[in-house]
C-alpha atoms as a PDB file:
ATOM      1  CA  UNK A   1     -29.206 -30.024-113.404  1.00  0.00           C
ATOM      2  CA  UNK A   2     -31.397 -28.212-110.588  1.00  0.00           C
ATOM      3  CA  UNK A   3     -30.939 -30.859-107.953  1.00  0.00           C
ATOM      4  CA  UNK A   4     -26.997 -30.445-108.531  1.00  0.00           C
ATOM      5  CA  UNK A   5     -27.208 -26.613-108.143  1.00  0.00           C
ATOM      6  CA  UNK A   6     -29.208 -26.972-105.055  1.00  0.00           C
ATOM      7  CA  UNK A   7     -26.721 -29.462-103.372  1.00  0.00           C
ATOM      8  CA  UNK A   8     -24.123 -26.980-104.099  1.00  0.00           C
ATOM      9  CA  UNK A   9     -25.826 -24.010-102.429  1.00  0.00           C
ATOM     10  CA  UNK A  10     -26.545 -26.017 -99.781  1.00  0.00           C
ATOM     11  CA  UNK A  11     -23.334 -27.155 -99.032  1.00  0.00           C
ATOM     12  CA  UNK A  12     -22.046 -23.334 -99.019  1.00  0.00           C
ATOM     13  CA  UNK A  13     -24.586 -22.225 -96.708  1.00  0.00           C
ATOM     14  CA  UNK A  14     -23.597 -24.930 -94.007  1.00  0.00           C
ATOM     15  CA  UNK A  15     -19.736 -24.200 -94.496  1.00  0.00           C
ATOM     16  CA  UNK A  16     -18.664 -21.808 -91.807  1.00  0.00           C
ATOM     17  CA  UNK A  17     -15.352 -20.180 -90.897  1.00  0.00           C
ATOM     18  CA  UNK A  18     -13.886 -19.118 -87.439  1.00  0.00           C
ATOM     19  CA  UNK A  19     -10.513 -17.649 -87.140  1.00  0.00           C
ATOM     20  CA  UNK A  20      -8.134 -18.550 -84.534  1.00  0.00           C
ATOM     21  CA  UNK A  21      -5.646 -15.696 -83.422  1.00  0.00           C
ATOM     22  CA  UNK A  22      -3.086 -16.481 -80.791  1.00  0.00           C
ATOM     23  CA  UNK A  23      -1.074 -14.372 -78.351  1.00  0.00           C
ATOM     24  CA  UNK A  24       1.752 -14.574 -78.553  1.00  0.00           C
ATOM     25  CA  UNK A  25       1.635 -14.345 -82.501  1.00  0.00           C
ATOM     26  CA  UNK A  26       4.446 -16.836 -82.836  1.00  0.00           C
ATOM     27  CA  UNK A  27       2.468 -19.941 -81.139  1.00  0.00           C
ATOM     28  CA  UNK A  28       2.193 -23.208 -82.957  1.00  0.00           C
ATOM     29  CA  UNK A  29      -1.346 -24.239 -83.666  1.00  0.00           C
ATOM     30  CA  UNK A  30      -2.428 -27.819 -84.159  1.00  0.00           C
ATOM     31  CA  UNK A  31      -5.730 -28.735 -85.324  1.00  0.00           C
ATOM     32  CA  UNK A  32      -7.006 -32.441 -84.630  1.00  0.00           C
ATOM     33  CA  UNK A  33      -3.365 -33.207 -83.882  1.00  0.00           C
ATOM     34  CA  UNK A  34      -2.044 -31.843 -87.193  1.00  0.00           C
ATOM     35  CA  UNK A  35       0.414 -28.687 -87.296  1.00  0.00           C
ATOM     36  CA  UNK A  36      -1.323 -25.766 -89.241  1.00  0.00           C
ATOM     37  CA  UNK A  37       0.737 -22.718 -88.785  1.00  0.00           C
ATOM     38  CA  UNK A  38       1.682 -20.111 -86.457  1.00  0.00           C
ATOM     39  CA  UNK A  39      -0.066 -17.171 -84.811  1.00  0.00           C
ATOM     40  CA  UNK A  40      -3.452 -17.571 -86.713  1.00  0.00           C
ATOM     41  CA  UNK A  41      -5.644 -20.190 -88.546  1.00  0.00           C
ATOM     42  CA  UNK A  42      -9.003 -20.283 -90.106  1.00  0.00           C
ATOM     43  CA  UNK A  43     -10.952 -23.345 -89.375  1.00  0.00           C
ATOM     44  CA  UNK A  44     -13.246 -24.206 -92.223  1.00  0.00           C
ATOM     45  CA  UNK A  45     -16.398 -26.055 -90.830  1.00  0.00           C
ATOM     46  CA  UNK A  46     -18.033 -28.393 -93.521  1.00  0.00           C
ATOM     47  CA  UNK A  47     -21.433 -29.734 -93.292  1.00  0.00           C
ATOM     48  CA  UNK A  48     -20.029 -33.074 -91.528  1.00  0.00           C
ATOM     49  CA  UNK A  49     -17.928 -31.112 -89.147  1.00  0.00           C
ATOM     50  CA  UNK A  50     -19.466 -30.456 -85.678  1.00  0.00           C
ATOM     51  CA  UNK A  51     -16.216 -29.418 -83.697  1.00  0.00           C
ATOM     52  CA  UNK A  52     -12.402 -29.168 -83.996  1.00  0.00           C
ATOM     53  CA  UNK A  53      -9.689 -30.088 -81.259  1.00  0.00           C
ATOM     54  CA  UNK A  54      -7.265 -27.239 -81.160  1.00  0.00           C
ATOM     55  CA  UNK A  55      -4.092 -27.069 -79.464  1.00  0.00           C
ATOM     56  CA  UNK A  56      -1.579 -24.135 -79.191  1.00  0.00           C
ATOM     57  CA  UNK A  57       1.870 -24.286 -78.048  1.00  0.00           C
ATOM     58  CA  UNK A  58       4.947 -22.116 -77.617  1.00  0.00           C
ATOM     59  CA  UNK A  59       8.252 -22.697 -75.430  1.00  0.00           C
ATOM     60  CA  UNK A  60       8.305 -20.990 -72.192  1.00  0.00           C
ATOM     61  CA  UNK A  61       4.283 -20.850 -72.017  1.00  0.00           C
ATOM     62  CA  UNK A  62       1.666 -23.228 -70.664  1.00  0.00           C
ATOM     63  CA  UNK A  63      -0.010 -25.322 -73.523  1.00  0.00           C
ATOM     64  CA  UNK A  64      -3.574 -24.642 -74.029  1.00  0.00           C
ATOM     65  CA  UNK A  65      -6.093 -27.302 -75.663  1.00  0.00           C
ATOM     66  CA  UNK A  66      -9.670 -26.447 -76.392  1.00  0.00           C
ATOM     67  CA  UNK A  67     -12.636 -27.823 -78.477  1.00  0.00           C
ATOM     68  CA  UNK A  68     -14.269 -25.370 -80.999  1.00  0.00           C
ATOM     69  CA  UNK A  69     -17.582 -26.207 -82.108  1.00  0.00           C
ATOM     70  CA  UNK A  70     -19.345 -24.873 -85.312  1.00  0.00           C
ATOM     71  CA  UNK A  71     -22.281 -23.399 -83.652  1.00  0.00           C
ATOM     72  CA  UNK A  72     -19.990 -20.837 -81.750  1.00  0.00           C
ATOM     73  CA  UNK A  73     -21.108 -17.456 -82.759  1.00  0.00           C
ATOM     74  CA  UNK A  74     -17.859 -15.839 -82.755  1.00  0.00           C
ATOM     75  CA  UNK A  75     -15.822 -15.128 -86.215  1.00  0.00           C
ATOM     76  CA  UNK A  76     -12.431 -14.760 -84.403  1.00  0.00           C
ATOM     77  CA  UNK A  77     -11.400 -16.541 -81.196  1.00  0.00           C
ATOM     78  CA  UNK A  78      -8.292 -15.378 -79.261  1.00  0.00           C
ATOM     79  CA  UNK A  79      -6.342 -17.664 -77.638  1.00  0.00           C
ATOM     80  CA  UNK A  80      -3.936 -16.093 -74.845  1.00  0.00           C
ATOM     81  CA  UNK A  81      -1.114 -18.512 -73.498  1.00  0.00           C
ATOM     82  CA  UNK A  82       0.039 -18.061 -69.973  1.00  0.00           C
ATOM     83  CA  UNK A  83       3.820 -17.567 -69.169  1.00  0.00           C
ATOM     84  CA  UNK A  84       4.983 -21.069 -67.770  1.00  0.00           C
ATOM     85  CA  UNK A  85       6.314 -19.774 -64.274  1.00  0.00           C
ATOM     86  CA  UNK A  86       8.120 -23.383 -63.935  1.00  0.00           C
ATOM     87  CA  UNK A  87      10.212 -22.626 -67.051  1.00  0.00           C
ATOM     88  CA  UNK A  88      10.914 -18.974 -66.049  1.00  0.00           C
ATOM     89  CA  UNK A  89      12.148 -20.314 -62.342  1.00  0.00           C
ATOM     90  CA  UNK A  90      14.385 -22.981 -63.886  1.00  0.00           C
ATOM     91  CA  UNK A  91      17.052 -23.765 -66.301  1.00  0.00           C
ATOM     92  CA  UNK A  92      17.937 -26.648 -68.268  1.00  0.00           C
ATOM     93  CA  UNK A  93      20.974 -28.529 -66.898  1.00  0.00           C
ATOM     94  CA  UNK A  94      23.174 -31.386 -67.188  1.00  0.00           C
ATOM     95  CA  UNK A  95      23.484 -31.671 -63.488  1.00  0.00           C
ATOM     96  CA  UNK A  96      19.792 -32.506 -63.125  1.00  0.00           C
ATOM     97  CA  UNK A  97      19.522 -36.269 -61.772  1.00  0.00           C
ATOM     98  CA  UNK A  98      23.041 -37.123 -62.410  1.00  0.00           C
ATOM     99  CA  UNK A  99      26.373 -37.376 -60.201  1.00  0.00           C
ATOM    100  CA  UNK A 100      28.786 -34.797 -60.452  1.00  0.00           C
ATOM    101  CA  UNK A 101      32.485 -35.596 -59.028  1.00  0.00           C
ATOM    102  CA  UNK A 102      34.523 -33.027 -57.192  1.00  0.00           C
ATOM    103  CA  UNK A 103      38.132 -34.022 -56.496  1.00  0.00           C
ATOM    104  CA  UNK A 104      39.277 -32.475 -53.252  1.00  0.00           C
ATOM    105  CA  UNK A 105      42.491 -30.208 -53.912  1.00  0.00           C
ATOM    106  CA  UNK A 106      45.562 -30.585 -51.801  1.00  0.00           C
ATOM    107  CA  UNK A 107      45.529 -28.970 -48.274  1.00  0.00           C
ATOM    108  CA  UNK A 108      42.098 -29.604 -47.680  1.00  0.00           C
ATOM    109  CA  UNK A 109      41.630 -32.948 -45.596  1.00  0.00           C
ATOM    110  CA  UNK A 110      38.652 -34.919 -44.869  1.00  0.00           C
ATOM    111  CA  UNK A 111      37.189 -32.975 -41.947  1.00  0.00           C
ATOM    112  CA  UNK A 112      37.629 -29.637 -43.610  1.00  0.00           C
ATOM    113  CA  UNK A 113      36.189 -30.842 -46.800  1.00  0.00           C
ATOM    114  CA  UNK A 114      33.072 -32.020 -44.741  1.00  0.00           C
ATOM    115  CA  UNK A 115      32.882 -28.957 -42.883  1.00  0.00           C
ATOM    116  CA  UNK A 116      32.600 -26.864 -46.280  1.00  0.00           C
ATOM    117  CA  UNK A 117      30.431 -28.974 -47.889  1.00  0.00           C
ATOM    118  CA  UNK A 118      27.946 -28.854 -44.985  1.00  0.00           C
ATOM    119  CA  UNK A 119      28.236 -25.210 -44.989  1.00  0.00           C
ATOM    120  CA  UNK A 120      27.414 -24.934 -48.551  1.00  0.00           C
ATOM    121  CA  UNK A 121      24.381 -27.362 -48.201  1.00  0.00           C
ATOM    122  CA  UNK A 122      23.009 -25.112 -45.321  1.00  0.00           C
ATOM    123  CA  UNK A 123      23.156 -22.002 -47.671  1.00  0.00           C
ATOM    124  CA  UNK A 124      20.597 -23.776 -49.719  1.00  0.00           C
ATOM    125  CA  UNK A 125      18.548 -25.976 -46.928  1.00  0.00           C
ATOM    126  CA  UNK A 126      17.408 -25.357 -43.708  1.00  0.00           C
ATOM    127  CA  UNK A 127      18.680 -28.815 -42.534  1.00  0.00           C
ATOM    128  CA  UNK A 128      19.893 -32.116 -43.396  1.00  0.00           C
ATOM    129  CA  UNK A 129      17.861 -35.380 -43.445  1.00  0.00           C
ATOM    130  CA  UNK A 130      21.009 -37.383 -43.110  1.00  0.00           C
ATOM    131  CA  UNK A 131      24.697 -36.254 -42.447  1.00  0.00           C
ATOM    132  CA  UNK A 132      27.244 -38.992 -41.395  1.00  0.00           C
ATOM    133  CA  UNK A 133      31.044 -38.021 -42.035  1.00  0.00           C
ATOM    134  CA  UNK A 134      32.056 -41.655 -40.815  1.00  0.00           C
ATOM    135  CA  UNK A 135      30.354 -42.864 -43.886  1.00  0.00           C
ATOM    136  CA  UNK A 136      30.719 -40.021 -46.067  1.00  0.00           C
ATOM    137  CA  UNK A 137      26.999 -39.476 -46.899  1.00  0.00           C
ATOM    138  CA  UNK A 138      24.712 -36.647 -46.493  1.00  0.00           C
ATOM    139  CA  UNK A 139      21.362 -35.850 -48.076  1.00  0.00           C
ATOM    140  CA  UNK A 140      18.436 -33.265 -47.803  1.00  0.00           C
ATOM    141  CA  UNK A 141      14.680 -33.579 -47.587  1.00  0.00           C
ATOM    142  CA  UNK A 142      12.695 -33.092 -50.662  1.00  0.00           C
ATOM    143  CA  UNK A 143      11.716 -29.482 -50.889  1.00  0.00           C
ATOM    144  CA  UNK A 144       8.744 -28.747 -52.837  1.00  0.00           C
ATOM    145  CA  UNK A 145       8.046 -25.505 -54.799  1.00  0.00           C
ATOM    146  CA  UNK A 146       4.596 -24.695 -56.789  1.00  0.00           C
ATOM    147  CA  UNK A 147       4.243 -23.124 -59.718  1.00  0.00           C
ATOM    148  CA  UNK A 148       0.377 -22.002 -60.042  1.00  0.00           C
ATOM    149  CA  UNK A 149       0.424 -20.645 -63.701  1.00  0.00           C
ATOM    150  CA  UNK A 150       1.864 -24.003 -65.010  1.00  0.00           C
ATOM    151  CA  UNK A 151      -0.275 -26.150 -62.471  1.00  0.00           C
ATOM    152  CA  UNK A 152       2.791 -28.228 -61.331  1.00  0.00           C
ATOM    153  CA  UNK A 153       5.030 -28.818 -58.558  1.00  0.00           C
ATOM    154  CA  UNK A 154       8.757 -29.360 -58.407  1.00  0.00           C
ATOM    155  CA  UNK A 155      10.521 -31.022 -55.726  1.00  0.00           C
ATOM    156  CA  UNK A 156      14.347 -31.076 -55.292  1.00  0.00           C
ATOM    157  CA  UNK A 157      16.887 -33.216 -53.177  1.00  0.00           C
ATOM    158  CA  UNK A 158      20.507 -33.175 -53.011  1.00  0.00           C
ATOM    159  CA  UNK A 159      22.716 -36.042 -52.097  1.00  0.00           C
ATOM    160  CA  UNK A 160      26.485 -36.167 -51.336  1.00  0.00           C
ATOM    161  CA  UNK A 161      28.626 -39.233 -51.125  1.00  0.00           C
ATOM    162  CA  UNK A 162      32.481 -39.752 -50.442  1.00  0.00           C
ATOM    163  CA  UNK A 163      34.623 -42.004 -52.935  1.00  0.00           C
ATOM    164  CA  UNK A 164      38.166 -42.528 -52.313  1.00  0.00           C
ATOM    165  CA  UNK A 165      39.189 -44.741 -54.965  1.00  0.00           C
ATOM    166  CA  UNK A 166      41.431 -42.181 -56.542  1.00  0.00           C
ATOM    167  CA  UNK A 167      42.178 -39.919 -53.457  1.00  0.00           C
ATOM    168  CA  UNK A 168      39.618 -37.835 -51.687  1.00  0.00           C
ATOM    169  CA  UNK A 169      36.421 -36.813 -53.819  1.00  0.00           C
ATOM    170  CA  UNK A 170      32.809 -36.515 -53.477  1.00  0.00           C
ATOM    171  CA  UNK A 171      29.936 -37.068 -56.045  1.00  0.00           C
ATOM    172  CA  UNK A 172      26.911 -34.813 -55.788  1.00  0.00           C
ATOM    173  CA  UNK A 173      23.575 -35.313 -57.166  1.00  0.00           C
ATOM    174  CA  UNK A 174      20.826 -32.780 -57.594  1.00  0.00           C
ATOM    175  CA  UNK A 175      17.638 -34.764 -58.010  1.00  0.00           C
ATOM    176  CA  UNK A 176      14.804 -32.747 -59.722  1.00  0.00           C
ATOM    177  CA  UNK A 177      11.412 -33.966 -60.325  1.00  0.00           C
ATOM    178  CA  UNK A 178       8.007 -32.655 -61.477  1.00  0.00           C
ATOM    179  CA  UNK A 179       4.325 -33.338 -60.842  1.00  0.00           C
ATOM    180  CA  UNK A 180       0.860 -31.889 -61.588  1.00  0.00           C
ATOM    181  CA  UNK A 181      -0.429 -29.648 -59.035  1.00  0.00           C
ATOM    182  CA  UNK A 182      -3.175 -31.701 -57.997  1.00  0.00           C
ATOM    183  CA  UNK A 183      -1.195 -35.051 -57.780  1.00  0.00           C
ATOM    184  CA  UNK A 184      -1.340 -36.482 -54.326  1.00  0.00           C
ATOM    185  CA  UNK A 185       1.737 -36.682 -51.915  1.00  0.00           C
ATOM    186  CA  UNK A 186       4.693 -38.323 -53.722  1.00  0.00           C
ATOM    187  CA  UNK A 187       2.594 -39.809 -56.721  1.00  0.00           C
ATOM    188  CA  UNK A 188       3.169 -38.495 -60.082  1.00  0.00           C
ATOM    189  CA  UNK A 189       6.408 -36.980 -59.829  1.00  0.00           C
ATOM    190  CA  UNK A 190       8.821 -37.578 -63.019  1.00  0.00           C
ATOM    191  CA  UNK A 191      12.218 -36.805 -63.440  1.00  0.00           C
ATOM    192  CA  UNK A 192      12.768 -33.311 -64.632  1.00  0.00           C
ATOM    193  CA  UNK A 193      15.966 -32.184 -66.948  1.00  0.00           C
ATOM    194  CA  UNK A 194      15.819 -28.881 -65.375  1.00  0.00           C
ATOM    195  CA  UNK A 195      17.134 -27.416 -61.835  1.00  0.00           C
ATOM    196  CA  UNK A 196      15.421 -24.560 -60.036  1.00  0.00           C
ATOM    197  CA  UNK A 197      17.543 -21.355 -60.512  1.00  0.00           C
ATOM    198  CA  UNK A 198      17.919 -21.302 -56.942  1.00  0.00           C
ATOM    199  CA  UNK A 199      19.916 -24.507 -56.717  1.00  0.00           C
ATOM    200  CA  UNK A 200      21.783 -24.473 -60.175  1.00  0.00           C
ATOM    201  CA  UNK A 201      24.873 -22.458 -58.555  1.00  0.00           C
ATOM    202  CA  UNK A 202      25.293 -25.208 -55.649  1.00  0.00           C
ATOM    203  CA  UNK A 203      27.589 -27.655 -57.301  1.00  0.00           C
ATOM    204  CA  UNK A 204      29.783 -24.829 -58.682  1.00  0.00           C
ATOM    205  CA  UNK A 205      29.946 -23.250 -55.211  1.00  0.00           C
ATOM    206  CA  UNK A 206      31.110 -26.553 -53.905  1.00  0.00           C
ATOM    207  CA  UNK A 207      33.940 -26.876 -56.536  1.00  0.00           C
ATOM    208  CA  UNK A 208      35.195 -23.530 -55.690  1.00  0.00           C
ATOM    209  CA  UNK A 209      35.269 -24.434 -52.062  1.00  0.00           C
ATOM    210  CA  UNK A 210      37.187 -27.606 -52.174  1.00  0.00           C
ATOM    211  CA  UNK A 211      37.550 -28.702 -55.810  1.00  0.00           C
ATOM    212  CA  UNK A 212      41.022 -28.868 -57.705  1.00  0.00           C
ATOM    213  CA  UNK A 213      41.398 -25.923 -60.198  1.00  0.00           C
END
């Protein structure tokens, strides 16, 4: 009986609680991969627990992961999330990494269409990498923008190609890719289903200049 009571007291003494509090207060908390709540959670350390792996996430903010140890002397640990500047600077878009078709309206011939498309492109890019009216193809260099808070970089390139199977028309593609800030050169980039806000109006502007209503 005395031994059982001693073991119970010993376990109670070895148990420890640390509260997690997030900012913003609606961020989702995961402990060892399991979702446990929004905004706050109390870690209950038992005698066998040395640490917990904690992840906090919220759309529009940079995800944060940390390991909290039993020997931490704090009773409450604030976890502040930084705003994701890559999300703030972009929009989710079906235009990303797909071809959009613009059919040229009557009254605009091939020379005029090419001129107007080039003018639009030069509103967004300093120069073209390729521009060949004879073959009906132009594209830009990759343009890279970095986002320090999110620790990522985003690159954008635009391609235009003429199609003539159903009258004069052009296909435009905004290629948008993302990579960790510390990746080297062209390595690490993956297609990104978002377009930087600066480039998002580009296709609509082309449609207004040459497209059918």
